[in-house]
Amino acid sequence: MPVQAHAHPFAANGGPVGVLLSHGFTGSPASMRPWAEFLASHDYTVRVPRLPGHGTTWQELNRSRWQDWYAEAESALDQLVSRCEQVVVAGLSMGGCLALRLAEQRCRDISGVILVNPAVASANRQLHAVPVLKWLVASRPGIGDDIKKPGVEEYCYPRLPLKALHAMMRMWKVTREDLPKVTQPLLMFRSAEDHVVEPLSGRIIAQRVSSRDLCERVLEDSYHVATLDHDAPAIFEESLDFVRRVTAPSGQVVGQT
């Protein structure tokens, strides 16, 4: 299946600290590339995998399982672990769910977690029909490009594939159940106005993780795809500070020589 031009994975080899960035549902590495390039410019080793079924066609995504997405993210983590001393994982929307799942399953390999409008649940009652509806209707209108900044495109699918949506809902459930296993420092960005993911997900994460070092930042000038929106520079800079802090050698004060 040909991969769309914007959707190829990103990789940059830098210093001994690695950062894994995971894109969201029906999106592609394009939504994470500016962030990845920013971190790479500061000598971090960065990976942005293309999750299976993404960046091609929504029909292919409908044939994917959440385990396929997790396996791809875990493969990228393995690459970073093999060459880096420490690794931080990050994700947008469904990518945030993947980052949390990695933190639950691979605790010893991950030094910190960064989330941008993460999705692990929804209060939308219409989702109750998805397990049955997916056999009757292949897709619904898409939910992408929720960006406040004019002229910016996420390059997501125009359709929402329902079998894949149900797969994501299953991943939400297993991830929610294991949230207490997340002990790493956690930085969570949440848009004040998000038309895709409700505040419910952020509340659940903040209440259930075991991270003692937890900071939540509200973004006032961005919608869901905040990594491409007005607040993107703040996300990049604050995530850089976070990575530096959580990967600093024990006893070293960040910012001092």
Protein backbone atom coordinates (compact mmCIF):
# COMPACT_ATOMS: atom_id res chain seq x y z
CA MET A 1 0.00 0.00 0.00
CA PRO A 2 1.63 3.33 -1.05
CA VAL A 3 2.33 5.72 1.81
CA GLN A 4 1.25 9.33 1.37
CA ALA A 5 4.10 11.82 0.97
CA HIS A 6 3.52 13.54 4.32
CA ALA A 7 3.14 10.32 6.28
CA HIS A 8 6.59 8.77 6.28
CA PRO A 9 8.12 8.07 9.70
CA PHE A 10 10.72 10.44 11.09
CA ALA A 11 14.05 9.42 12.58
CA ALA A 12 17.00 11.49 13.79
CA ASN A 13 20.05 10.19 15.62
CA GLY A 14 21.51 12.54 18.18
CA GLY A 15 22.72 12.28 21.73
CA PRO A 16 22.22 9.66 24.45
CA VAL A 17 18.64 10.68 25.31
CA GLY A 18 15.86 9.46 23.06
CA VAL A 19 12.31 10.72 22.55
CA LEU A 20 9.50 8.68 20.98
CA LEU A 21 6.56 10.67 19.57
CA SER A 22 3.30 8.91 18.60
CA HIS A 23 0.68 10.49 16.35
CA GLY A 24 -3.07 10.23 16.73
CA PHE A 25 -5.94 8.19 15.29
CA THR A 26 -6.47 8.66 11.49
CA GLY A 27 -3.48 11.04 11.51
CA SER A 28 0.16 10.50 10.58
CA PRO A 29 3.71 11.53 11.56
CA ALA A 30 2.99 14.90 9.90
CA SER A 31 1.26 16.06 13.10
CA MET A 32 4.42 15.35 15.11
CA ARG A 33 7.15 16.31 12.66
CA PRO A 34 7.68 19.96 13.74
CA TRP A 35 7.99 18.80 17.36
CA ALA A 36 10.34 16.00 16.33
CA GLU A 37 12.52 18.35 14.30
CA PHE A 38 12.68 20.79 17.23
CA LEU A 39 13.88 18.08 19.61
CA ALA A 40 16.34 16.74 17.05
CA SER A 41 17.78 20.25 16.68
CA HIS A 42 18.65 20.07 20.40
CA ASP A 43 20.63 16.85 19.85
CA TYR A 44 18.03 14.34 20.98
CA THR A 45 17.60 11.01 19.24
CA VAL A 46 14.03 11.04 17.98
CA ARG A 47 11.64 8.52 16.46
CA VAL A 48 8.14 9.16 15.05
CA PRO A 49 6.74 5.85 13.75
CA ARG A 50 3.92 5.62 11.23
CA LEU A 51 1.30 3.52 12.96
CA PRO A 52 -0.11 0.65 10.82
CA GLY A 53 -3.08 1.64 8.68
CA HIS A 54 -2.22 5.34 8.87
CA GLY A 55 -0.97 7.54 6.06
CA THR A 56 -2.41 5.25 3.39
CA THR A 57 -6.20 4.77 3.24
CA TRP A 58 -8.91 4.63 5.86
CA GLN A 59 -9.92 1.25 4.46
CA GLU A 60 -6.51 -0.14 5.42
CA LEU A 61 -6.84 1.37 8.88
CA ASN A 62 -10.12 -0.50 9.25
CA ARG A 63 -8.15 -3.73 8.95
CA SER A 64 -5.78 -2.79 11.78
CA ARG A 65 -5.88 -3.81 15.43
CA TRP A 66 -4.76 -1.75 18.38
CA GLN A 67 -2.12 -4.38 19.05
CA ASP A 68 -0.62 -3.53 15.64
CA TRP A 69 -0.30 0.14 16.62
CA TYR A 70 1.21 -0.76 19.97
CA ALA A 71 3.70 -3.17 18.36
CA GLU A 72 4.93 -0.43 16.03
CA ALA A 73 5.33 2.03 18.89
CA GLU A 74 7.13 -0.61 20.95
CA SER A 75 9.46 -1.37 18.04
CA ALA A 76 10.42 2.32 17.90
CA LEU A 77 10.97 2.25 21.67
CA ASP A 78 13.25 -0.78 21.26
CA GLN A 79 15.31 1.15 18.70
CA LEU A 80 15.77 4.02 21.14
CA VAL A 81 16.53 1.78 24.11
CA SER A 82 19.23 -0.01 22.08
CA ARG A 83 21.12 3.22 21.40
CA CYS A 84 20.12 5.63 24.18
CA GLU A 85 20.80 5.82 27.91
CA GLN A 86 17.31 7.16 28.68
CA VAL A 87 14.04 7.50 26.77
CA VAL A 88 10.99 9.74 27.12
CA VAL A 89 7.72 8.82 25.37
CA ALA A 90 5.14 11.31 24.13
CA GLY A 91 1.92 11.23 22.18
CA LEU A 92 -0.97 13.22 20.75
CA SER A 93 -4.55 11.98 21.28
CA MET A 94 -4.51 8.21 20.65
CA GLY A 95 -0.73 8.52 20.58
CA GLY A 96 -1.00 9.65 24.19
CA CYS A 97 -2.83 6.42 24.98
CA LEU A 98 -0.01 4.49 23.33
CA ALA A 99 2.57 6.42 25.34
CA LEU A 100 0.73 5.54 28.54
CA ARG A 101 0.51 1.89 27.53
CA LEU A 102 4.25 1.82 26.91
CA ALA A 103 4.83 3.42 30.31
CA GLU A 104 2.64 0.75 31.91
CA GLN A 105 4.32 -2.17 30.16
CA ARG A 106 7.91 -0.91 29.89
CA CYS A 107 8.33 1.08 33.08
CA ARG A 108 12.07 0.46 33.47
CA ASP A 109 12.82 1.69 29.94
CA ILE A 110 10.98 5.03 30.20
CA SER A 111 12.12 8.08 32.16
CA GLY A 112 9.15 10.35 31.50
CA VAL A 113 5.81 10.73 29.70
CA ILE A 114 4.46 13.72 27.76
CA LEU A 115 0.83 13.83 26.68
CA VAL A 116 -0.99 16.27 24.39
CA ASN A 117 -4.79 16.02 24.55
CA PRO A 118 -4.58 12.29 25.31
CA ALA A 119 -7.56 10.03 24.68
CA VAL A 120 -8.41 7.12 26.98
CA ALA A 121 -12.21 7.48 27.29
CA SER A 122 -15.28 9.28 26.00
CA ALA A 123 -18.66 10.27 27.42
CA ASN A 124 -20.20 10.24 23.94
CA ARG A 125 -23.15 7.85 24.18
CA GLN A 126 -23.10 7.27 20.42
CA LEU A 127 -19.94 5.20 20.87
CA HIS A 128 -22.01 2.52 22.60
CA ALA A 129 -23.38 1.60 19.16
CA VAL A 130 -19.96 1.18 17.52
CA PRO A 131 -19.47 -2.55 18.30
CA VAL A 132 -22.64 -3.33 16.29
CA LEU A 133 -22.63 -0.40 13.86
CA LYS A 134 -19.15 -1.31 12.57
CA TRP A 135 -20.65 -4.39 10.88
CA LEU A 136 -23.30 -2.30 9.12
CA VAL A 137 -21.41 0.87 8.21
CA ALA A 138 -17.73 0.97 7.28
CA SER A 139 -17.08 4.58 8.22
CA ARG A 140 -18.45 7.92 9.34
CA PRO A 141 -17.34 11.49 8.56
CA GLY A 142 -13.84 12.26 9.78
CA ILE A 143 -12.88 14.09 12.97
CA GLY A 144 -9.50 15.52 11.97
CA ASP A 145 -8.06 18.97 11.34
CA ASP A 146 -9.35 20.38 14.65
CA ILE A 147 -6.84 23.26 14.49
CA LYS A 148 -7.48 26.88 15.44
CA LYS A 149 -4.57 28.32 13.48
CA PRO A 150 -5.68 29.27 9.94
CA GLY A 151 -4.18 27.50 6.95
CA VAL A 152 -2.79 24.51 8.86
CA GLU A 153 -3.69 20.95 7.84
CA GLU A 154 -3.21 17.75 9.80
CA TYR A 155 -3.41 15.49 6.71
CA CYS A 156 -5.78 13.05 8.37
CA TYR A 157 -8.33 10.73 6.80
CA PRO A 158 -11.63 12.27 5.63
CA ARG A 159 -13.48 9.25 7.03
CA LEU A 160 -13.60 7.66 10.50
CA PRO A 161 -13.29 3.87 10.07
CA LEU A 162 -15.57 2.20 12.60
CA LYS A 163 -13.80 -1.14 13.04
CA ALA A 164 -10.61 0.75 13.80
CA LEU A 165 -12.52 3.05 16.13
CA HIS A 166 -13.75 0.03 18.08
CA ALA A 167 -10.17 -1.25 18.23
CA MET A 168 -9.08 2.05 19.74
CA MET A 169 -11.87 1.86 22.30
CA ARG A 170 -10.57 -1.56 23.36
CA MET A 171 -7.11 -0.07 23.80
CA TRP A 172 -8.60 2.72 25.94
CA LYS A 173 -10.08 0.11 28.27
CA VAL A 174 -6.93 -1.92 28.87
CA THR A 175 -4.88 1.26 29.26
CA ARG A 176 -7.30 2.75 31.80
CA GLU A 177 -7.22 -0.43 33.86
CA ASP A 178 -3.43 -0.27 34.17
CA LEU A 179 -3.01 3.49 34.74
CA PRO A 180 -1.82 2.94 38.36
CA LYS A 181 1.25 1.26 36.84
CA VAL A 182 2.37 4.62 35.44
CA THR A 183 4.93 5.95 37.92
CA GLN A 184 7.14 8.10 35.70
CA PRO A 185 7.16 11.93 35.76
CA LEU A 186 4.27 13.07 33.58
CA LEU A 187 3.63 16.33 31.73
CA MET A 188 0.14 16.68 30.25
CA PHE A 189 -1.00 19.45 27.89
CA ARG A 190 -4.74 19.92 27.52
CA SER A 191 -6.50 22.38 25.21
CA ALA A 192 -9.17 24.49 26.88
CA GLU A 193 -11.27 24.04 23.72
CA ASP A 194 -11.00 20.61 22.13
CA HIS A 195 -13.67 19.39 19.69
CA VAL A 196 -12.37 15.80 19.54
CA VAL A 197 -11.32 14.65 23.03
CA GLU A 198 -13.31 15.59 26.11
CA PRO A 199 -11.74 16.71 29.43
CA LEU A 200 -12.84 13.34 30.85
CA SER A 201 -9.68 11.64 29.56
CA GLY A 202 -7.39 14.13 31.26
CA ARG A 203 -9.27 13.79 34.54
CA ILE A 204 -9.08 10.00 34.47
CA ILE A 205 -5.34 10.05 33.79
CA ALA A 206 -4.57 12.61 36.48
CA GLN A 207 -6.65 10.71 39.06
CA ARG A 208 -5.42 7.19 38.34
CA VAL A 209 -1.71 7.34 37.50
CA SER A 210 0.77 6.82 40.33
CA SER A 211 3.13 9.55 39.14
CA ARG A 212 4.16 11.80 42.01
CA ASP A 213 5.69 14.25 39.53
CA LEU A 214 2.64 15.30 37.50
CA CYS A 215 2.06 18.65 35.81
CA GLU A 216 -0.99 19.62 33.76
CA ARG A 217 -0.83 22.63 31.42
CA VAL A 218 -3.95 24.16 29.88
CA LEU A 219 -3.49 25.49 26.34
CA GLU A 220 -5.66 28.55 25.79
CA ASP A 221 -5.09 29.17 22.07
CA SER A 222 -5.26 25.74 20.43
CA TYR A 223 -7.80 23.09 19.55
CA HIS A 224 -7.18 19.33 19.50
CA VAL A 225 -4.14 19.09 17.22
CA ALA A 226 -2.16 21.41 19.46
CA THR A 227 1.20 20.23 18.10
CA LEU A 228 0.39 22.16 14.91
CA ASP A 229 -1.55 25.01 16.50
CA HIS A 230 -0.81 28.39 18.10
CA ASP A 231 0.50 26.82 21.31
CA ALA A 232 2.93 24.47 19.56
CA PRO A 233 6.01 26.58 20.43
CA ALA A 234 5.08 26.43 24.12
CA ILE A 235 4.62 22.65 23.91
CA PHE A 236 8.03 22.29 22.28
CA GLU A 237 9.87 24.49 24.76
CA GLU A 238 8.19 23.09 27.86
CA SER A 239 8.66 19.52 26.70
CA LEU A 240 12.35 20.28 26.12
CA ASP A 241 12.67 21.56 29.68
CA PHE A 242 10.82 18.48 30.94
CA VAL A 243 13.05 16.05 29.04
CA ARG A 244 16.16 17.79 30.29
CA ARG A 245 14.94 17.65 33.86
CA VAL A 246 13.76 14.05 34.02
CA THR A 247 16.86 12.69 32.25
CA ALA A 248 19.43 14.80 34.12
CA PRO A 249 22.06 12.80 36.03
CA SER A 250 21.14 12.32 39.68
CA GLY A 251 22.10 15.32 41.75
CA GLN A 252 22.61 17.63 38.76
CA VAL A 253 20.58 20.84 38.68
CA VAL A 254 19.30 21.48 35.17
CA GLY A 255 20.54 24.76 33.77
CA GLN A 256 23.78 24.73 35.73
CA THR A 257 27.20 23.58 34.55
